[in-house]
Each structure stands twice: as C-alpha cells, then as structure tokens.
Amino acid sequence: MAVHRLDLNGPLNQKTVNLTGGQAVLEYGEGMIRISPDKPDFCPQRICIRMGWISRPGQTIVCVPNRMVITVLGPETGPDSIVR
C-alpha cells in the first residue's frame, strides 16, 4: 500500500498512480483534487471519476475495485453530517 500526500495549494498539477486496474491520473491544485476523466480505463464502473473535484476537508473519493481512497485533510469548518 502506498500513501501519497499532495499539496492542494498551488497551481494545477498531475500525478500518475499505479493501481491494480492500470494507471490513474490525479489532477490537483488550487485547493481541490480529482481523478482525471481523460484515461478512465483503469476503473470498470468509473464511479470514482464521476465524483469530480473535491475540496472540503473530509470529502473523499473511493475507487473500490482498485482499493484507492482520496481524502482531503485539513481543519473541519462545517457540520459533521446533514440528514434530510
């Protein structure tokens, strides 16, 4: 298991990550991160790609088939949960 810590502050950048299903490209910077939709072949259902950009502490993107979790870390500024 590899752990990557990426600084979301700064200009947009990319990082390629090797996964079970292939390579994913992470796009990050300007306070946000996402899995690039340009090369979706690594994930069969592409749910993780459809999550889009995340930026708030606690937000998470999960790719179950590839066992990848992306979480934004930082001070919590909002409610823990919202129930409707």
N, C-alpha and C. Protein backbone atom coordinates (compact mmCIF):
# COMPACT_ATOMS: atom_id res chain seq x y z
N MET A 1 0.84 -1.18 0.00
CA MET A 1 0.00 0.00 0.00
C MET A 1 0.89 1.24 0.00
N ALA A 2 0.62 2.14 -0.90
CA ALA A 2 1.37 3.39 -0.99
C ALA A 2 0.49 4.54 -0.51
N VAL A 3 1.10 5.47 0.18
CA VAL A 3 0.41 6.67 0.64
C VAL A 3 1.09 7.87 0.00
N HIS A 4 0.30 8.71 -0.63
CA HIS A 4 0.83 9.92 -1.26
C HIS A 4 0.17 11.12 -0.59
N ARG A 5 0.96 12.08 -0.19
CA ARG A 5 0.42 13.33 0.35
C ARG A 5 0.69 14.41 -0.69
N LEU A 6 -0.37 15.03 -1.16
CA LEU A 6 -0.25 16.04 -2.19
C LEU A 6 -0.71 17.38 -1.64
N ASP A 7 0.05 18.42 -1.93
CA ASP A 7 -0.31 19.78 -1.50
C ASP A 7 -1.32 20.33 -2.50
N LEU A 8 -2.53 20.57 -2.05
CA LEU A 8 -3.57 21.06 -2.93
C LEU A 8 -3.45 22.54 -3.21
N ASN A 9 -2.65 23.24 -2.43
CA ASN A 9 -2.44 24.66 -2.66
C ASN A 9 -1.39 24.82 -3.74
N GLY A 10 -1.57 25.78 -4.60
CA GLY A 10 -0.63 26.00 -5.68
C GLY A 10 -1.32 25.78 -7.02
N PRO A 11 -0.54 25.86 -8.10
CA PRO A 11 -1.13 25.71 -9.43
C PRO A 11 -1.55 24.27 -9.70
N LEU A 12 -2.40 24.09 -10.71
CA LEU A 12 -2.84 22.75 -11.09
C LEU A 12 -1.66 21.89 -11.50
N ASN A 13 -1.68 20.64 -11.08
CA ASN A 13 -0.59 19.70 -11.33
C ASN A 13 -1.21 18.31 -11.54
N GLN A 14 -0.41 17.36 -11.96
CA GLN A 14 -0.88 15.98 -12.15
C GLN A 14 0.09 15.01 -11.52
N LYS A 15 -0.44 13.86 -11.07
CA LYS A 15 0.36 12.77 -10.55
C LYS A 15 -0.24 11.47 -11.07
N THR A 16 0.60 10.62 -11.63
CA THR A 16 0.16 9.31 -12.10
C THR A 16 0.36 8.29 -11.00
N VAL A 17 -0.67 7.49 -10.74
CA VAL A 17 -0.65 6.49 -9.68
C VAL A 17 -0.90 5.12 -10.30
N ASN A 18 -0.04 4.16 -9.99
CA ASN A 18 -0.21 2.79 -10.47
C ASN A 18 -1.19 2.04 -9.57
N LEU A 19 -2.21 1.45 -10.18
CA LEU A 19 -3.25 0.72 -9.45
C LEU A 19 -3.38 -0.68 -10.02
N THR A 20 -4.20 -1.50 -9.37
CA THR A 20 -4.44 -2.86 -9.83
C THR A 20 -4.98 -2.88 -11.26
N GLY A 21 -5.89 -1.97 -11.59
CA GLY A 21 -6.53 -1.95 -12.90
C GLY A 21 -5.79 -1.14 -13.95
N GLY A 22 -4.68 -0.53 -13.60
CA GLY A 22 -3.93 0.30 -14.54
C GLY A 22 -3.44 1.56 -13.87
N GLN A 23 -3.31 2.62 -14.64
CA GLN A 23 -2.80 3.88 -14.11
C GLN A 23 -3.91 4.92 -14.06
N ALA A 24 -3.99 5.62 -12.93
CA ALA A 24 -4.93 6.72 -12.77
C ALA A 24 -4.12 8.01 -12.71
N VAL A 25 -4.67 9.07 -13.25
CA VAL A 25 -4.02 10.37 -13.20
C VAL A 25 -4.83 11.25 -12.24
N LEU A 26 -4.15 11.74 -11.20
CA LEU A 26 -4.77 12.64 -10.25
C LEU A 26 -4.45 14.06 -10.68
N GLU A 27 -5.46 14.91 -10.73
CA GLU A 27 -5.27 16.33 -11.00
C GLU A 27 -5.53 17.06 -9.70
N TYR A 28 -4.60 17.93 -9.31
CA TYR A 28 -4.75 18.61 -8.03
C TYR A 28 -4.13 20.00 -8.10
N GLY A 29 -4.60 20.87 -7.22
CA GLY A 29 -4.11 22.23 -7.12
C GLY A 29 -5.27 23.19 -6.96
N GLU A 30 -4.95 24.44 -6.68
CA GLU A 30 -5.96 25.48 -6.46
C GLU A 30 -6.98 25.05 -5.41
N GLY A 31 -6.54 24.23 -4.44
CA GLY A 31 -7.38 23.83 -3.32
C GLY A 31 -8.30 22.64 -3.57
N MET A 32 -8.11 21.91 -4.68
CA MET A 32 -9.00 20.79 -4.97
C MET A 32 -8.24 19.64 -5.64
N ILE A 33 -8.92 18.48 -5.74
CA ILE A 33 -8.32 17.30 -6.35
C ILE A 33 -9.43 16.47 -7.00
N ARG A 34 -9.05 15.75 -8.08
CA ARG A 34 -9.99 14.83 -8.74
C ARG A 34 -9.19 13.76 -9.46
N ILE A 35 -9.90 12.71 -9.90
CA ILE A 35 -9.30 11.71 -10.78
C ILE A 35 -9.62 12.16 -12.20
N SER A 36 -8.60 12.30 -13.02
CA SER A 36 -8.77 12.80 -14.37
C SER A 36 -9.69 11.89 -15.18
N PRO A 37 -10.66 12.48 -15.88
CA PRO A 37 -11.55 11.67 -16.72
C PRO A 37 -10.93 11.31 -18.08
N ASP A 38 -9.72 11.79 -18.35
CA ASP A 38 -9.10 11.57 -19.66
C ASP A 38 -8.70 10.12 -19.92
N LYS A 39 -8.34 9.36 -18.87
CA LYS A 39 -7.92 7.97 -19.03
C LYS A 39 -8.70 7.09 -18.06
N PRO A 40 -9.96 6.78 -18.37
CA PRO A 40 -10.82 6.07 -17.43
C PRO A 40 -10.70 4.55 -17.47
N ASP A 41 -9.78 4.01 -18.25
CA ASP A 41 -9.72 2.55 -18.47
C ASP A 41 -9.35 1.74 -17.23
N PHE A 42 -8.79 2.36 -16.20
CA PHE A 42 -8.36 1.62 -15.01
C PHE A 42 -9.52 1.19 -14.13
N CYS A 43 -10.70 1.80 -14.31
CA CYS A 43 -11.83 1.53 -13.42
C CYS A 43 -13.06 1.10 -14.22
N PRO A 44 -13.61 -0.09 -13.94
CA PRO A 44 -14.72 -0.61 -14.74
C PRO A 44 -16.02 0.22 -14.67
N GLN A 45 -16.37 0.72 -13.49
CA GLN A 45 -17.65 1.44 -13.37
C GLN A 45 -17.48 2.96 -13.41
N ARG A 46 -16.30 3.46 -13.18
CA ARG A 46 -15.97 4.89 -13.27
C ARG A 46 -16.72 5.78 -12.27
N ILE A 47 -17.21 5.20 -11.20
CA ILE A 47 -17.91 5.99 -10.18
C ILE A 47 -16.96 7.00 -9.54
N CYS A 48 -15.73 6.58 -9.31
CA CYS A 48 -14.74 7.46 -8.69
C CYS A 48 -14.45 8.67 -9.59
N ILE A 49 -14.45 8.48 -10.88
CA ILE A 49 -14.19 9.57 -11.81
C ILE A 49 -15.36 10.55 -11.83
N ARG A 50 -16.57 10.03 -11.75
CA ARG A 50 -17.76 10.89 -11.77
C ARG A 50 -17.91 11.74 -10.51
N MET A 51 -17.15 11.44 -9.46
CA MET A 51 -17.19 12.26 -8.23
C MET A 51 -16.74 13.69 -8.52
N GLY A 52 -15.87 13.86 -9.50
CA GLY A 52 -15.41 15.21 -9.86
C GLY A 52 -14.45 15.78 -8.83
N TRP A 53 -14.39 17.09 -8.80
CA TRP A 53 -13.47 17.79 -7.90
C TRP A 53 -13.99 17.75 -6.46
N ILE A 54 -13.08 17.52 -5.51
CA ILE A 54 -13.40 17.66 -4.09
C ILE A 54 -12.43 18.68 -3.50
N SER A 55 -12.88 19.40 -2.47
CA SER A 55 -12.04 20.46 -1.93
C SER A 55 -12.20 20.67 -0.42
N ARG A 56 -13.28 20.20 0.16
CA ARG A 56 -13.51 20.45 1.59
C ARG A 56 -12.92 19.34 2.45
N PRO A 57 -12.35 19.69 3.60
CA PRO A 57 -11.82 18.67 4.50
C PRO A 57 -12.87 17.63 4.83
N GLY A 58 -12.48 16.36 4.73
CA GLY A 58 -13.39 15.26 5.00
C GLY A 58 -14.01 14.67 3.74
N GLN A 59 -14.00 15.40 2.64
CA GLN A 59 -14.54 14.84 1.40
C GLN A 59 -13.63 13.73 0.91
N THR A 60 -14.23 12.71 0.30
CA THR A 60 -13.49 11.51 -0.08
C THR A 60 -13.93 11.02 -1.46
N ILE A 61 -12.97 10.51 -2.22
CA ILE A 61 -13.23 9.78 -3.46
C ILE A 61 -12.73 8.37 -3.21
N VAL A 62 -13.57 7.36 -3.52
CA VAL A 62 -13.19 5.97 -3.29
C VAL A 62 -13.32 5.20 -4.60
N CYS A 63 -12.29 4.44 -4.94
CA CYS A 63 -12.33 3.53 -6.07
C CYS A 63 -12.19 2.12 -5.50
N VAL A 64 -13.32 1.44 -5.30
CA VAL A 64 -13.33 0.13 -4.65
C VAL A 64 -12.56 -0.93 -5.45
N PRO A 65 -12.78 -1.05 -6.77
CA PRO A 65 -12.06 -2.10 -7.50
C PRO A 65 -10.53 -1.98 -7.41
N ASN A 66 -10.03 -0.75 -7.27
CA ASN A 66 -8.59 -0.52 -7.22
C ASN A 66 -8.07 -0.25 -5.81
N ARG A 67 -8.95 -0.32 -4.82
CA ARG A 67 -8.58 -0.10 -3.43
C ARG A 67 -7.87 1.23 -3.23
N MET A 68 -8.43 2.29 -3.80
CA MET A 68 -7.85 3.63 -3.69
C MET A 68 -8.82 4.53 -2.96
N VAL A 69 -8.29 5.32 -2.02
CA VAL A 69 -9.08 6.30 -1.28
C VAL A 69 -8.34 7.63 -1.33
N ILE A 70 -9.05 8.68 -1.72
CA ILE A 70 -8.50 10.03 -1.73
C ILE A 70 -9.32 10.83 -0.72
N THR A 71 -8.65 11.45 0.25
CA THR A 71 -9.33 12.22 1.28
C THR A 71 -8.67 13.58 1.41
N VAL A 72 -9.49 14.63 1.49
CA VAL A 72 -8.97 15.97 1.73
C VAL A 72 -8.81 16.14 3.23
N LEU A 73 -7.59 16.47 3.65
CA LEU A 73 -7.31 16.68 5.06
C LEU A 73 -7.24 18.17 5.36
N GLY A 74 -7.58 18.55 6.57
CA GLY A 74 -7.50 19.94 6.98
C GLY A 74 -8.46 20.18 8.12
N PRO A 75 -8.50 21.40 8.61
CA PRO A 75 -9.41 21.70 9.72
C PRO A 75 -10.86 21.64 9.26
N GLU A 76 -11.69 20.98 10.04
CA GLU A 76 -13.12 20.89 9.74
C GLU A 76 -13.75 22.25 9.95
N THR A 77 -14.55 22.70 9.00
CA THR A 77 -15.17 24.01 9.12
C THR A 77 -16.70 23.97 9.08
N GLY A 78 -17.26 22.83 8.77
CA GLY A 78 -18.73 22.74 8.64
C GLY A 78 -19.30 21.69 9.55
N PRO A 79 -20.58 21.37 9.36
CA PRO A 79 -21.22 20.35 10.19
C PRO A 79 -20.66 18.95 9.88
N ASP A 80 -20.75 18.04 10.85
CA ASP A 80 -20.30 16.68 10.66
C ASP A 80 -21.16 15.93 9.66
N SER A 81 -22.47 16.16 9.70
CA SER A 81 -23.37 15.47 8.78
C SER A 81 -24.66 16.27 8.63
N ILE A 82 -25.34 16.00 7.54
CA ILE A 82 -26.64 16.62 7.29
C ILE A 82 -27.60 15.52 6.93
N VAL A 83 -28.75 15.47 7.61
CA VAL A 83 -29.76 14.46 7.37
C VAL A 83 -31.05 15.14 6.93
N ARG A 84 -31.63 14.64 5.87
CA ARG A 84 -32.91 15.23 5.42
C ARG A 84 -33.99 14.20 5.49
